[in-house]
Amino acid sequence: MTTPSRMRALVKTAPGAGAELQVVPVPRPGPGEVLVKVAVASICGTDVHIYEWNAWAAGRMRTPIVFGHEFAGHVVALGTGASGVEVGDYVSAESHVICGRCYQCRTGQSHICRSCSILGVDRQGCFADYVVVPAANVWHNPPELAPEVASIQEPFGNAVDTVFADGVPGKSFLVLGCGPIGLMAVALLRASGATPIIAADLSDYRLAMAMNLGADHVIDAKSADTVSRTLELTGGEGVDAVLEMSGARTAITQALKAARNGGRVTMLGLPAGPVALDLAEDFVFKGLTLQGITGRHIFETWYTAKAFLASGRVDLRPVITHSYPIEVFREAFELAITGKCGKIVLTL
């Protein structure tokens, strides 16, 4: 099949809210790279930050750029020296492109590479008919895996790393923030023997989804005190682990208070700015472990995620609530901003 010279792409053209669907040249794979025809791309919380142009995006992004970093599709062309991949392969990709040379990369910590560039943030992304990725970043999908599910394996990996930062079976958990990754975390916790599983959010829609995916208790953070309710549900002890998925300043403060003495707080959510904490009372004297999660362990987490999906113990299909053709991207992003949805995918 001949690759066209032009394609549709969702472009962040300039600083400020919004984006534009443009017709742009199809990128060409360079040495060690492959060209993928995108079938489905999914919207991440990071993409919403870019679309809204919040403080993080304004401080990190350079425009113009095609954004988006979660996808599934088929390889249609190979650059010189691209190995381990063939034209026609059904693939997704790890969006963190590592340098392979820094201290972290050379000591088994490539997921926190100091010179990492991210698809759709630092390099051209996948909200387009075609995307170029390094062959080393390609992940081969099983043929039976639906493209919509294949496109969300990356955020599922975020949930995997956040949940399994320490022990899970028999432990009590509080999930703060029931966005798509928080919902995936609830499903993972249910599949892995955590009890009880408590989920808190401001959205009634997402709290209902959390119950359906396995939460034992949900807390409406609009009307209830999350910390008090968590202590009540755990006999005054607090939970063994808090998974902070929202990035909200209030939730981060609550996370430290809701964890039991000696517990852990694992943070994936990105706060929009500095957060004031009482480290003496809520962290040091409680003997907490505070962990930050970025990306996924490359590619260890992908294999763990693959095993959960193949076993049937975690079904991600209920997390995907809406699908839109890329032409109506504005409706998709405006819905994502409201929180009255799970994962949203864009079809190409």
C-alpha atoms as a PDB file:
ATOM      1  CA  MET A   1       0.000   0.000   0.000  1.00  0.00           C
ATOM      2  CA  THR A   2       1.350   3.420  -0.949  1.00  0.00           C
ATOM      3  CA  THR A   3       1.594   5.879   1.913  1.00  0.00           C
ATOM      4  CA  PRO A   4       0.011   9.249   1.067  1.00  0.00           C
ATOM      5  CA  SER A   5       1.999  12.459   1.292  1.00  0.00           C
ATOM      6  CA  ARG A   6      -0.550  14.339   3.451  1.00  0.00           C
ATOM      7  CA  MET A   7      -2.524  13.440   6.576  1.00  0.00           C
ATOM      8  CA  ARG A   8      -4.898  14.804   9.191  1.00  0.00           C
ATOM      9  CA  ALA A   9      -3.278  15.834  12.466  1.00  0.00           C
ATOM     10  CA  LEU A  10      -4.510  17.480  15.650  1.00  0.00           C
ATOM     11  CA  VAL A  11      -2.066  20.325  16.180  1.00  0.00           C
ATOM     12  CA  LYS A  12      -1.436  22.547  19.161  1.00  0.00           C
ATOM     13  CA  THR A  13      -0.685  25.546  16.994  1.00  0.00           C
ATOM     14  CA  ALA A  14       0.112  28.178  19.623  1.00  0.00           C
ATOM     15  CA  PRO A  15       0.016  28.815  23.385  1.00  0.00           C
ATOM     16  CA  GLY A  16      -3.550  29.009  24.705  1.00  0.00           C
ATOM     17  CA  ALA A  17      -6.623  26.833  24.939  1.00  0.00           C
ATOM     18  CA  GLY A  18      -7.781  24.630  22.072  1.00  0.00           C
ATOM     19  CA  ALA A  19      -6.225  22.882  19.079  1.00  0.00           C
ATOM     20  CA  GLU A  20      -6.698  22.674  15.297  1.00  0.00           C
ATOM     21  CA  LEU A  21      -7.242  19.740  12.960  1.00  0.00           C
ATOM     22  CA  GLN A  22      -4.906  20.406  10.052  1.00  0.00           C
ATOM     23  CA  VAL A  23      -3.687  18.668   6.917  1.00  0.00           C
ATOM     24  CA  VAL A  24       0.084  18.278   7.210  1.00  0.00           C
ATOM     25  CA  PRO A  25       2.849  16.244   5.543  1.00  0.00           C
ATOM     26  CA  VAL A  26       3.099  12.592   6.537  1.00  0.00           C
ATOM     27  CA  PRO A  27       6.313  12.165   8.578  1.00  0.00           C
ATOM     28  CA  ARG A  28       9.033   9.882   7.261  1.00  0.00           C
ATOM     29  CA  PRO A  29      10.802   7.381   9.515  1.00  0.00           C
ATOM     30  CA  GLY A  30      14.486   8.089  10.068  1.00  0.00           C
ATOM     31  CA  PRO A  31      17.196   5.586  10.967  1.00  0.00           C
ATOM     32  CA  GLY A  32      15.930   3.089  13.527  1.00  0.00           C
ATOM     33  CA  GLU A  33      12.356   4.390  13.301  1.00  0.00           C
ATOM     34  CA  VAL A  34       9.043   3.086  11.978  1.00  0.00           C
ATOM     35  CA  LEU A  35       5.945   4.733  10.542  1.00  0.00           C
ATOM     36  CA  VAL A  36       2.646   3.568  12.040  1.00  0.00           C
ATOM     37  CA  LYS A  37      -0.812   4.124  10.558  1.00  0.00           C
ATOM     38  CA  VAL A  38      -2.901   4.990  13.597  1.00  0.00           C
ATOM     39  CA  ALA A  39      -6.244   3.224  14.030  1.00  0.00           C
ATOM     40  CA  VAL A  40      -7.196   4.482  17.504  1.00  0.00           C
ATOM     41  CA  ALA A  41      -5.652   7.076  19.801  1.00  0.00           C
ATOM     42  CA  SER A  42      -6.824   7.712  23.353  1.00  0.00           C
ATOM     43  CA  ILE A  43      -7.025  10.961  25.307  1.00  0.00           C
ATOM     44  CA  CYS A  44      -4.842  11.172  28.408  1.00  0.00           C
ATOM     45  CA  GLY A  45      -5.050  13.618  31.283  1.00  0.00           C
ATOM     46  CA  THR A  46      -1.807  15.101  29.976  1.00  0.00           C
ATOM     47  CA  ASP A  47      -3.517  15.749  26.635  1.00  0.00           C
ATOM     48  CA  VAL A  48      -6.299  17.579  28.469  1.00  0.00           C
ATOM     49  CA  HIS A  49      -3.673  19.736  30.210  1.00  0.00           C
ATOM     50  CA  ILE A  50      -2.199  20.541  26.783  1.00  0.00           C
ATOM     51  CA  TYR A  51      -5.619  21.257  25.290  1.00  0.00           C
ATOM     52  CA  GLU A  52      -6.556  23.563  28.179  1.00  0.00           C
ATOM     53  CA  TRP A  53      -2.992  24.961  28.298  1.00  0.00           C
ATOM     54  CA  ASN A  54      -2.567  24.831  32.063  1.00  0.00           C
ATOM     55  CA  ALA A  55       0.528  25.987  33.925  1.00  0.00           C
ATOM     56  CA  TRP A  56       2.340  22.681  33.388  1.00  0.00           C
ATOM     57  CA  ALA A  57       1.751  22.770  29.621  1.00  0.00           C
ATOM     58  CA  ALA A  58       2.750  26.415  29.385  1.00  0.00           C
ATOM     59  CA  GLY A  59       6.018  25.703  31.177  1.00  0.00           C
ATOM     60  CA  ARG A  60       6.869  22.530  29.249  1.00  0.00           C
ATOM     61  CA  MET A  61       5.466  22.640  25.709  1.00  0.00           C
ATOM     62  CA  ARG A  62       6.718  24.296  22.535  1.00  0.00           C
ATOM     63  CA  THR A  63       4.266  24.889  19.729  1.00  0.00           C
ATOM     64  CA  PRO A  64       3.331  24.017  17.062  1.00  0.00           C
ATOM     65  CA  ILE A  65       3.218  20.278  17.787  1.00  0.00           C
ATOM     66  CA  VAL A  66       0.995  17.288  17.055  1.00  0.00           C
ATOM     67  CA  PHE A  67       0.043  15.997  20.502  1.00  0.00           C
ATOM     68  CA  GLY A  68      -1.236  12.631  21.766  1.00  0.00           C
ATOM     69  CA  HIS A  69       0.838   9.648  22.905  1.00  0.00           C
ATOM     70  CA  GLU A  70      -1.469   6.622  23.371  1.00  0.00           C
ATOM     71  CA  PHE A  71      -2.370   4.635  20.256  1.00  0.00           C
ATOM     72  CA  ALA A  72      -2.725   1.381  18.366  1.00  0.00           C
ATOM     73  CA  GLY A  73      -2.162   0.826  14.667  1.00  0.00           C
ATOM     74  CA  HIS A  74      -0.155  -0.977  11.994  1.00  0.00           C
ATOM     75  CA  VAL A  75       3.400  -0.461  10.807  1.00  0.00           C
ATOM     76  CA  VAL A  76       3.470   0.761   7.190  1.00  0.00           C
ATOM     77  CA  ALA A  77       7.124   1.738   6.651  1.00  0.00           C
ATOM     78  CA  LEU A  78      10.562   1.120   8.150  1.00  0.00           C
ATOM     79  CA  GLY A  79      13.505   3.469   8.431  1.00  0.00           C
ATOM     80  CA  THR A  80      17.010   2.208   7.735  1.00  0.00           C
ATOM     81  CA  GLY A  81      18.274  -0.100  10.453  1.00  0.00           C
ATOM     82  CA  ALA A  82      14.873  -0.555  12.123  1.00  0.00           C
ATOM     83  CA  SER A  83      14.934  -4.072  13.546  1.00  0.00           C
ATOM     84  CA  GLY A  84      12.481  -6.354  15.317  1.00  0.00           C
ATOM     85  CA  VAL A  85       9.510  -4.865  13.464  1.00  0.00           C
ATOM     86  CA  GLU A  86       7.927  -5.720  10.120  1.00  0.00           C
ATOM     87  CA  VAL A  87       5.516  -3.867   7.857  1.00  0.00           C
ATOM     88  CA  GLY A  88       1.999  -4.979   8.790  1.00  0.00           C
ATOM     89  CA  ASP A  89       2.740  -5.539  12.484  1.00  0.00           C
ATOM     90  CA  TYR A  90      -0.105  -4.558  14.842  1.00  0.00           C
ATOM     91  CA  VAL A  91       1.505  -2.346  17.460  1.00  0.00           C
ATOM     92  CA  SER A  92       1.331   0.240  20.208  1.00  0.00           C
ATOM     93  CA  ALA A  93       4.361   2.034  21.632  1.00  0.00           C
ATOM     94  CA  GLU A  94       6.066   3.204  24.794  1.00  0.00           C
ATOM     95  CA  SER A  95       5.870   6.994  24.542  1.00  0.00           C
ATOM     96  CA  HIS A  96       8.987   7.720  26.617  1.00  0.00           C
ATOM     97  CA  VAL A  97      11.969   7.785  24.265  1.00  0.00           C
ATOM     98  CA  ILE A  98      15.089   7.244  26.349  1.00  0.00           C
ATOM     99  CA  CYS A  99      18.691   8.229  25.672  1.00  0.00           C
ATOM    100  CA  GLY A 100      20.290   4.916  26.698  1.00  0.00           C
ATOM    101  CA  ARG A 101      23.398   6.753  27.922  1.00  0.00           C
ATOM    102  CA  CYS A 102      22.581   8.540  31.196  1.00  0.00           C
ATOM    103  CA  TYR A 103      23.201   7.070  34.654  1.00  0.00           C
ATOM    104  CA  GLN A 104      19.560   6.031  35.030  1.00  0.00           C
ATOM    105  CA  CYS A 105      19.438   4.233  31.676  1.00  0.00           C
ATOM    106  CA  ARG A 106      22.681   2.400  32.422  1.00  0.00           C
ATOM    107  CA  THR A 107      21.560   1.232  35.864  1.00  0.00           C
ATOM    108  CA  GLY A 108      18.135  -0.227  35.048  1.00  0.00           C
ATOM    109  CA  GLN A 109      16.133   2.953  35.687  1.00  0.00           C
ATOM    110  CA  SER A 110      15.437   3.973  32.107  1.00  0.00           C
ATOM    111  CA  HIS A 111      11.859   4.933  32.999  1.00  0.00           C
ATOM    112  CA  ILE A 112      13.329   8.004  34.721  1.00  0.00           C
ATOM    113  CA  CYS A 113      15.885   8.774  32.007  1.00  0.00           C
ATOM    114  CA  ARG A 114      17.267  12.288  32.528  1.00  0.00           C
ATOM    115  CA  SER A 115      17.167  13.010  28.784  1.00  0.00           C
ATOM    116  CA  CYS A 116      13.830  11.390  28.027  1.00  0.00           C
ATOM    117  CA  SER A 117      11.638  12.873  25.284  1.00  0.00           C
ATOM    118  CA  ILE A 118       7.930  12.118  25.238  1.00  0.00           C
ATOM    119  CA  LEU A 119       5.724  11.468  22.245  1.00  0.00           C
ATOM    120  CA  GLY A 120       3.206  14.279  21.814  1.00  0.00           C
ATOM    121  CA  VAL A 121       4.996  16.469  24.354  1.00  0.00           C
ATOM    122  CA  ASP A 122       8.581  16.831  23.155  1.00  0.00           C
ATOM    123  CA  ARG A 123       8.203  15.171  19.732  1.00  0.00           C
ATOM    124  CA  GLN A 124       5.393  14.837  17.196  1.00  0.00           C
ATOM    125  CA  GLY A 125       2.521  12.745  18.568  1.00  0.00           C
ATOM    126  CA  CYS A 126      -0.167  10.309  17.530  1.00  0.00           C
ATOM    127  CA  PHE A 127      -3.360  12.362  17.173  1.00  0.00           C
ATOM    128  CA  ALA A 128      -2.834  11.936  13.454  1.00  0.00           C
ATOM    129  CA  ASP A 129      -3.276   9.429  10.649  1.00  0.00           C
ATOM    130  CA  TYR A 130       0.410   8.495  10.939  1.00  0.00           C
ATOM    131  CA  VAL A 131       3.067   8.686  13.643  1.00  0.00           C
ATOM    132  CA  VAL A 132       6.804   7.962  13.691  1.00  0.00           C
ATOM    133  CA  VAL A 133       8.270   6.111  16.684  1.00  0.00           C
ATOM    134  CA  PRO A 134      11.625   4.440  17.362  1.00  0.00           C
ATOM    135  CA  ALA A 135      11.554   0.729  16.564  1.00  0.00           C
ATOM    136  CA  ALA A 136      12.939   0.143  20.071  1.00  0.00           C
ATOM    137  CA  ASN A 137       9.730   1.647  21.525  1.00  0.00           C
ATOM    138  CA  VAL A 138       7.322  -0.571  19.588  1.00  0.00           C
ATOM    139  CA  TRP A 139       5.109  -2.986  21.512  1.00  0.00           C
ATOM    140  CA  HIS A 140       3.575  -5.858  19.545  1.00  0.00           C
ATOM    141  CA  ASN A 141      -0.104  -6.372  20.304  1.00  0.00           C
ATOM    142  CA  PRO A 142      -1.799  -9.771  20.244  1.00  0.00           C
ATOM    143  CA  PRO A 143      -4.149  -9.941  17.248  1.00  0.00           C
ATOM    144  CA  GLU A 144      -7.211 -10.557  19.421  1.00  0.00           C
ATOM    145  CA  LEU A 145      -6.738  -7.368  21.457  1.00  0.00           C
ATOM    146  CA  ALA A 146      -9.257  -4.718  20.364  1.00  0.00           C
ATOM    147  CA  PRO A 147      -7.573  -1.528  19.081  1.00  0.00           C
ATOM    148  CA  GLU A 148      -9.460   0.586  21.641  1.00  0.00           C
ATOM    149  CA  VAL A 149      -8.039  -1.508  24.489  1.00  0.00           C
ATOM    150  CA  ALA A 150      -4.605  -1.719  22.859  1.00  0.00           C
ATOM    151  CA  SER A 151      -4.499   2.079  22.735  1.00  0.00           C
ATOM    152  CA  ILE A 152      -4.848   2.403  26.523  1.00  0.00           C
ATOM    153  CA  GLN A 153      -2.135  -0.042  27.566  1.00  0.00           C
ATOM    154  CA  GLU A 154       0.204   2.862  28.336  1.00  0.00           C
ATOM    155  CA  PRO A 155      -2.036   4.467  30.985  1.00  0.00           C
ATOM    156  CA  PHE A 156      -2.839   0.981  32.250  1.00  0.00           C
ATOM    157  CA  GLY A 157       0.903   0.678  32.815  1.00  0.00           C
ATOM    158  CA  ASN A 158       0.763   3.838  34.941  1.00  0.00           C
ATOM    159  CA  ALA A 159      -1.872   2.133  37.079  1.00  0.00           C
ATOM    160  CA  VAL A 160       0.220  -1.048  37.295  1.00  0.00           C
ATOM    161  CA  ASP A 161       3.288   0.833  38.544  1.00  0.00           C
ATOM    162  CA  THR A 162       1.259   2.877  41.026  1.00  0.00           C
ATOM    163  CA  VAL A 163      -0.581  -0.127  42.472  1.00  0.00           C
ATOM    164  CA  PHE A 164       2.439  -2.427  42.674  1.00  0.00           C
ATOM    165  CA  ALA A 165       4.934   0.069  44.073  1.00  0.00           C
ATOM    166  CA  ASP A 166       4.692  -2.148  47.174  1.00  0.00           C
ATOM    167  CA  GLY A 167       2.649  -5.088  48.444  1.00  0.00           C
ATOM    168  CA  VAL A 168      -1.040  -5.401  47.567  1.00  0.00           C
ATOM    169  CA  PRO A 169      -2.725  -8.641  48.747  1.00  0.00           C
ATOM    170  CA  GLY A 170      -4.558  -8.165  52.033  1.00  0.00           C
ATOM    171  CA  LYS A 171      -3.740  -4.459  52.187  1.00  0.00           C
ATOM    172  CA  SER A 172      -6.227  -1.610  52.494  1.00  0.00           C
ATOM    173  CA  PHE A 173      -6.169   1.120  49.844  1.00  0.00           C
ATOM    174  CA  LEU A 174      -7.565   4.579  49.257  1.00  0.00           C
ATOM    175  CA  VAL A 175      -7.635   5.733  45.618  1.00  0.00           C
ATOM    176  CA  LEU A 176      -7.851   9.517  45.410  1.00  0.00           C
ATOM    177  CA  GLY A 177      -9.121  10.470  41.979  1.00  0.00           C
ATOM    178  CA  CYS A 178     -11.236   8.166  39.813  1.00  0.00           C
ATOM    179  CA  GLY A 179     -10.182   9.359  36.420  1.00  0.00           C
ATOM    180  CA  PRO A 180      -9.380   6.598  33.920  1.00  0.00           C
ATOM    181  CA  ILE A 181      -6.075   5.604  35.548  1.00  0.00           C
ATOM    182  CA  GLY A 182      -7.624   5.685  39.011  1.00  0.00           C
ATOM    183  CA  LEU A 183     -10.413   3.425  37.731  1.00  0.00           C
ATOM    184  CA  MET A 184      -7.838   1.046  36.246  1.00  0.00           C
ATOM    185  CA  ALA A 185      -6.092   1.013  39.622  1.00  0.00           C
ATOM    186  CA  VAL A 186      -9.358   0.022  41.332  1.00  0.00           C
ATOM    187  CA  ALA A 187      -9.778  -2.877  38.899  1.00  0.00           C
ATOM    188  CA  LEU A 188      -6.173  -3.994  39.488  1.00  0.00           C
ATOM    189  CA  LEU A 189      -6.591  -3.828  43.257  1.00  0.00           C
ATOM    190  CA  ARG A 190      -9.738  -5.950  43.071  1.00  0.00           C
ATOM    191  CA  ALA A 191      -7.951  -8.510  40.894  1.00  0.00           C
ATOM    192  CA  SER A 192      -4.950  -8.610  43.245  1.00  0.00           C
ATOM    193  CA  GLY A 193      -6.556  -9.213  46.634  1.00  0.00           C
ATOM    194  CA  ALA A 194      -6.579  -5.757  48.210  1.00  0.00           C
ATOM    195  CA  THR A 195      -9.225  -5.128  50.874  1.00  0.00           C
ATOM    196  CA  PRO A 196     -10.918  -2.857  51.569  1.00  0.00           C
ATOM    197  CA  ILE A 197     -10.679  -0.669  48.477  1.00  0.00           C
ATOM    198  CA  ILE A 198     -11.893   2.885  49.048  1.00  0.00           C
ATOM    199  CA  ALA A 199     -12.255   5.360  46.178  1.00  0.00           C
ATOM    200  CA  ALA A 200     -12.842   9.111  46.427  1.00  0.00           C
ATOM    201  CA  ASP A 201     -13.740  11.627  43.736  1.00  0.00           C
ATOM    202  CA  LEU A 202     -15.848  14.717  43.061  1.00  0.00           C
ATOM    203  CA  SER A 203     -17.739  13.079  40.176  1.00  0.00           C
ATOM    204  CA  ASP A 204     -20.810  10.937  40.885  1.00  0.00           C
ATOM    205  CA  TYR A 205     -20.373   9.422  37.425  1.00  0.00           C
ATOM    206  CA  ARG A 206     -16.873   8.221  38.159  1.00  0.00           C
ATOM    207  CA  LEU A 207     -17.719   7.027  41.662  1.00  0.00           C
ATOM    208  CA  ALA A 208     -20.388   4.786  40.159  1.00  0.00           C
ATOM    209  CA  MET A 209     -17.774   3.445  37.736  1.00  0.00           C
ATOM    210  CA  ALA A 210     -15.396   2.791  40.640  1.00  0.00           C
ATOM    211  CA  MET A 211     -18.055   0.704  42.401  1.00  0.00           C
ATOM    212  CA  ASN A 212     -18.675  -1.277  39.226  1.00  0.00           C
ATOM    213  CA  LEU A 213     -14.950  -1.952  38.856  1.00  0.00           C
ATOM    214  CA  GLY A 214     -14.542  -3.286  42.379  1.00  0.00           C
ATOM    215  CA  ALA A 215     -14.362  -0.557  45.019  1.00  0.00           C
ATOM    216  CA  ASP A 216     -15.792  -1.621  48.378  1.00  0.00           C
ATOM    217  CA  HIS A 217     -16.600   1.947  49.418  1.00  0.00           C
ATOM    218  CA  VAL A 218     -16.765   5.273  47.607  1.00  0.00           C
ATOM    219  CA  ILE A 219     -16.512   8.761  49.070  1.00  0.00           C
ATOM    220  CA  ASP A 220     -18.129  11.774  47.447  1.00  0.00           C
ATOM    221  CA  ALA A 221     -15.453  14.377  48.145  1.00  0.00           C
ATOM    222  CA  LYS A 222     -17.956  17.181  47.476  1.00  0.00           C
ATOM    223  CA  SER A 223     -20.035  16.369  50.518  1.00  0.00           C
ATOM    224  CA  ALA A 224     -17.953  14.162  52.807  1.00  0.00           C
ATOM    225  CA  ASP A 225     -14.646  14.586  54.615  1.00  0.00           C
ATOM    226  CA  THR A 226     -12.412  12.064  52.856  1.00  0.00           C
ATOM    227  CA  VAL A 227      -9.974  11.657  55.741  1.00  0.00           C
ATOM    228  CA  SER A 228     -12.634  11.243  58.431  1.00  0.00           C
ATOM    229  CA  ARG A 229     -14.572   8.744  56.333  1.00  0.00           C
ATOM    230  CA  THR A 230     -11.411   6.749  55.559  1.00  0.00           C
ATOM    231  CA  LEU A 231     -10.510   6.566  59.235  1.00  0.00           C
ATOM    232  CA  GLU A 232     -14.057   5.482  60.034  1.00  0.00           C
ATOM    233  CA  LEU A 233     -13.868   2.675  57.455  1.00  0.00           C
ATOM    234  CA  THR A 234     -10.536   1.443  58.822  1.00  0.00           C
ATOM    235  CA  GLY A 235     -11.269   1.461  62.542  1.00  0.00           C
ATOM    236  CA  GLY A 236      -9.352   4.691  63.052  1.00  0.00           C
ATOM    237  CA  GLU A 237      -6.083   3.296  61.660  1.00  0.00           C
ATOM    238  CA  GLY A 238      -6.009   4.753  58.168  1.00  0.00           C
ATOM    239  CA  VAL A 239      -5.223   2.735  55.055  1.00  0.00           C
ATOM    240  CA  ASP A 240      -2.060   0.783  54.324  1.00  0.00           C
ATOM    241  CA  ALA A 241      -1.619   2.695  51.075  1.00  0.00           C
ATOM    242  CA  VAL A 242      -3.007   5.798  49.387  1.00  0.00           C
ATOM    243  CA  LEU A 243      -2.829   6.100  45.599  1.00  0.00           C
ATOM    244  CA  GLU A 244      -3.015   9.801  44.739  1.00  0.00           C
ATOM    245  CA  MET A 245      -4.166   9.995  41.115  1.00  0.00           C
ATOM    246  CA  SER A 246      -5.726  13.452  40.897  1.00  0.00           C
ATOM    247  CA  GLY A 247      -2.945  15.965  41.456  1.00  0.00           C
ATOM    248  CA  ALA A 248      -5.388  18.142  43.402  1.00  0.00           C
ATOM    249  CA  ARG A 249      -3.685  20.033  46.229  1.00  0.00           C
ATOM    250  CA  THR A 250      -6.430  19.155  48.703  1.00  0.00           C
ATOM    251  CA  ALA A 251      -6.206  15.476  47.810  1.00  0.00           C
ATOM    252  CA  ILE A 252      -2.420  15.424  48.268  1.00  0.00           C
ATOM    253  CA  THR A 253      -2.823  16.840  51.770  1.00  0.00           C
ATOM    254  CA  GLN A 254      -5.564  14.291  52.482  1.00  0.00           C
ATOM    255  CA  ALA A 255      -3.359  11.453  51.236  1.00  0.00           C
ATOM    256  CA  LEU A 256      -0.811  11.938  54.005  1.00  0.00           C
ATOM    257  CA  LYS A 257      -3.500  12.237  56.668  1.00  0.00           C
ATOM    258  CA  ALA A 258      -5.468   9.176  55.500  1.00  0.00           C
ATOM    259  CA  ALA A 259      -2.489   6.788  55.478  1.00  0.00           C
ATOM    260  CA  ARG A 260      -1.836   4.773  58.624  1.00  0.00           C
ATOM    261  CA  ASN A 261       1.386   5.200  60.587  1.00  0.00           C
ATOM    262  CA  GLY A 262       4.049   3.360  58.598  1.00  0.00           C
ATOM    263  CA  GLY A 263       1.928   3.314  55.451  1.00  0.00           C
ATOM    264  CA  ARG A 264       2.746   4.482  51.951  1.00  0.00           C
ATOM    265  CA  VAL A 265       1.523   7.273  49.730  1.00  0.00           C
ATOM    266  CA  THR A 266       2.127   6.707  46.021  1.00  0.00           C
ATOM    267  CA  MET A 267       1.629   9.721  43.777  1.00  0.00           C
ATOM    268  CA  LEU A 268       0.867   9.725  40.057  1.00  0.00           C
ATOM    269  CA  GLY A 269      -1.254  12.897  39.761  1.00  0.00           C
ATOM    270  CA  LEU A 270       0.453  16.105  38.676  1.00  0.00           C
ATOM    271  CA  PRO A 271      -0.318  19.190  40.802  1.00  0.00           C
ATOM    272  CA  ALA A 272      -0.554  22.447  38.869  1.00  0.00           C
ATOM    273  CA  GLY A 273       1.927  24.137  41.208  1.00  0.00           C
ATOM    274  CA  PRO A 274       3.667  23.923  44.613  1.00  0.00           C
ATOM    275  CA  VAL A 275       1.768  22.187  47.428  1.00  0.00           C
ATOM    276  CA  ALA A 276       2.103  23.108  51.123  1.00  0.00           C
ATOM    277  CA  LEU A 277       2.357  20.076  53.434  1.00  0.00           C
ATOM    278  CA  ASP A 278       2.827  19.577  57.152  1.00  0.00           C
ATOM    279  CA  LEU A 279       5.790  17.236  56.737  1.00  0.00           C
ATOM    280  CA  ALA A 280       6.571  16.996  60.438  1.00  0.00           C
ATOM    281  CA  GLU A 281       3.146  15.841  61.631  1.00  0.00           C
ATOM    282  CA  ASP A 282       1.813  14.098  58.530  1.00  0.00           C
ATOM    283  CA  PHE A 283       4.971  12.513  57.120  1.00  0.00           C
ATOM    284  CA  VAL A 284       7.997  12.327  59.407  1.00  0.00           C
ATOM    285  CA  PHE A 285       6.259  11.433  62.684  1.00  0.00           C
ATOM    286  CA  LYS A 286       4.003   8.969  60.882  1.00  0.00           C
ATOM    287  CA  GLY A 287       6.962   7.190  59.287  1.00  0.00           C
ATOM    288  CA  LEU A 288       5.359   7.238  55.850  1.00  0.00           C
ATOM    289  CA  THR A 289       6.902   6.166  52.579  1.00  0.00           C
ATOM    290  CA  LEU A 290       6.224   8.708  49.823  1.00  0.00           C
ATOM    291  CA  GLN A 291       6.720   7.517  46.235  1.00  0.00           C
ATOM    292  CA  GLY A 292       6.495   9.289  42.907  1.00  0.00           C
ATOM    293  CA  ILE A 293       5.440   7.439  39.759  1.00  0.00           C
ATOM    294  CA  THR A 294       6.368   8.620  36.288  1.00  0.00           C
ATOM    295  CA  GLY A 295       5.678   6.640  33.145  1.00  0.00           C
ATOM    296  CA  ARG A 296       6.192   2.907  33.350  1.00  0.00           C
ATOM    297  CA  HIS A 297       9.154   0.597  33.911  1.00  0.00           C
ATOM    298  CA  ILE A 298      10.365  -0.051  30.352  1.00  0.00           C
ATOM    299  CA  PHE A 299       9.340  -2.718  29.407  1.00  0.00           C
ATOM    300  CA  GLU A 300       8.783  -4.678  32.623  1.00  0.00           C
ATOM    301  CA  THR A 301       5.454  -2.976  33.291  1.00  0.00           C
ATOM    302  CA  TRP A 302       4.217  -3.736  29.765  1.00  0.00           C
ATOM    303  CA  TYR A 303       4.707  -7.457  30.358  1.00  0.00           C
ATOM    304  CA  THR A 304       2.828  -7.263  33.666  1.00  0.00           C
ATOM    305  CA  ALA A 305      -0.018  -5.379  31.989  1.00  0.00           C
ATOM    306  CA  LYS A 306      -0.096  -7.919  29.156  1.00  0.00           C
ATOM    307  CA  ALA A 307      -0.387 -10.779  31.658  1.00  0.00           C
ATOM    308  CA  PHE A 308      -3.338  -9.165  33.452  1.00  0.00           C
ATOM    309  CA  LEU A 309      -5.157  -8.524  30.175  1.00  0.00           C
ATOM    310  CA  ALA A 310      -4.450 -12.023  28.823  1.00  0.00           C
ATOM    311  CA  SER A 311      -5.637 -13.674  32.040  1.00  0.00           C
ATOM    312  CA  GLY A 312      -8.995 -11.930  31.912  1.00  0.00           C
ATOM    313  CA  ARG A 313      -8.596 -10.865  35.558  1.00  0.00           C
ATOM    314  CA  VAL A 314      -8.755  -7.213  34.477  1.00  0.00           C
ATOM    315  CA  ASP A 315     -11.165  -6.076  31.767  1.00  0.00           C
ATOM    316  CA  LEU A 316     -10.455  -2.547  30.581  1.00  0.00           C
ATOM    317  CA  ARG A 317     -13.429  -2.305  28.226  1.00  0.00           C
ATOM    318  CA  PRO A 318     -15.749  -0.811  30.892  1.00  0.00           C
ATOM    319  CA  VAL A 319     -13.222   1.989  31.426  1.00  0.00           C
ATOM    320  CA  ILE A 320     -13.688   3.131  27.803  1.00  0.00           C
ATOM    321  CA  THR A 321     -16.953   5.056  27.784  1.00  0.00           C
ATOM    322  CA  HIS A 322     -16.822   7.179  24.632  1.00  0.00           C
ATOM    323  CA  SER A 323     -15.434   6.987  21.107  1.00  0.00           C
ATOM    324  CA  TYR A 324     -15.294   9.884  18.640  1.00  0.00           C
ATOM    325  CA  PRO A 325     -13.915  10.320  15.131  1.00  0.00           C
ATOM    326  CA  ILE A 326     -11.005  12.732  15.276  1.00  0.00           C
ATOM    327  CA  GLU A 327     -13.002  15.324  13.318  1.00  0.00           C
ATOM    328  CA  VAL A 328     -15.127  16.010  16.414  1.00  0.00           C
ATOM    329  CA  PHE A 329     -12.177  16.269  18.792  1.00  0.00           C
ATOM    330  CA  ARG A 330     -13.563  19.410  20.452  1.00  0.00           C
ATOM    331  CA  GLU A 331     -16.605  17.533  21.734  1.00  0.00           C
ATOM    332  CA  ALA A 332     -14.318  14.769  23.016  1.00  0.00           C
ATOM    333  CA  PHE A 333     -12.033  17.148  24.905  1.00  0.00           C
ATOM    334  CA  GLU A 334     -14.877  19.195  26.346  1.00  0.00           C
ATOM    335  CA  LEU A 335     -16.416  15.969  27.674  1.00  0.00           C
ATOM    336  CA  ALA A 336     -13.067  14.918  29.166  1.00  0.00           C
ATOM    337  CA  ILE A 337     -12.863  18.250  30.983  1.00  0.00           C
ATOM    338  CA  THR A 338     -16.270  17.700  32.626  1.00  0.00           C
ATOM    339  CA  GLY A 339     -15.241  14.379  34.173  1.00  0.00           C
ATOM    340  CA  LYS A 340     -18.531  12.754  33.150  1.00  0.00           C
ATOM    341  CA  CYS A 341     -16.742   9.989  31.304  1.00  0.00           C
ATOM    342  CA  GLY A 342     -14.158   7.277  31.618  1.00  0.00           C
ATOM    343  CA  LYS A 343     -11.514   6.864  28.933  1.00  0.00           C
ATOM    344  CA  ILE A 344     -12.241   8.586  25.617  1.00  0.00           C
ATOM    345  CA  VAL A 345     -10.763   7.287  22.362  1.00  0.00           C
ATOM    346  CA  LEU A 346     -10.436   8.981  18.984  1.00  0.00           C
ATOM    347  CA  THR A 347     -10.759   6.900  15.816  1.00  0.00           C
ATOM    348  CA  LEU A 348      -8.915   7.625  12.596  1.00  0.00           C
END
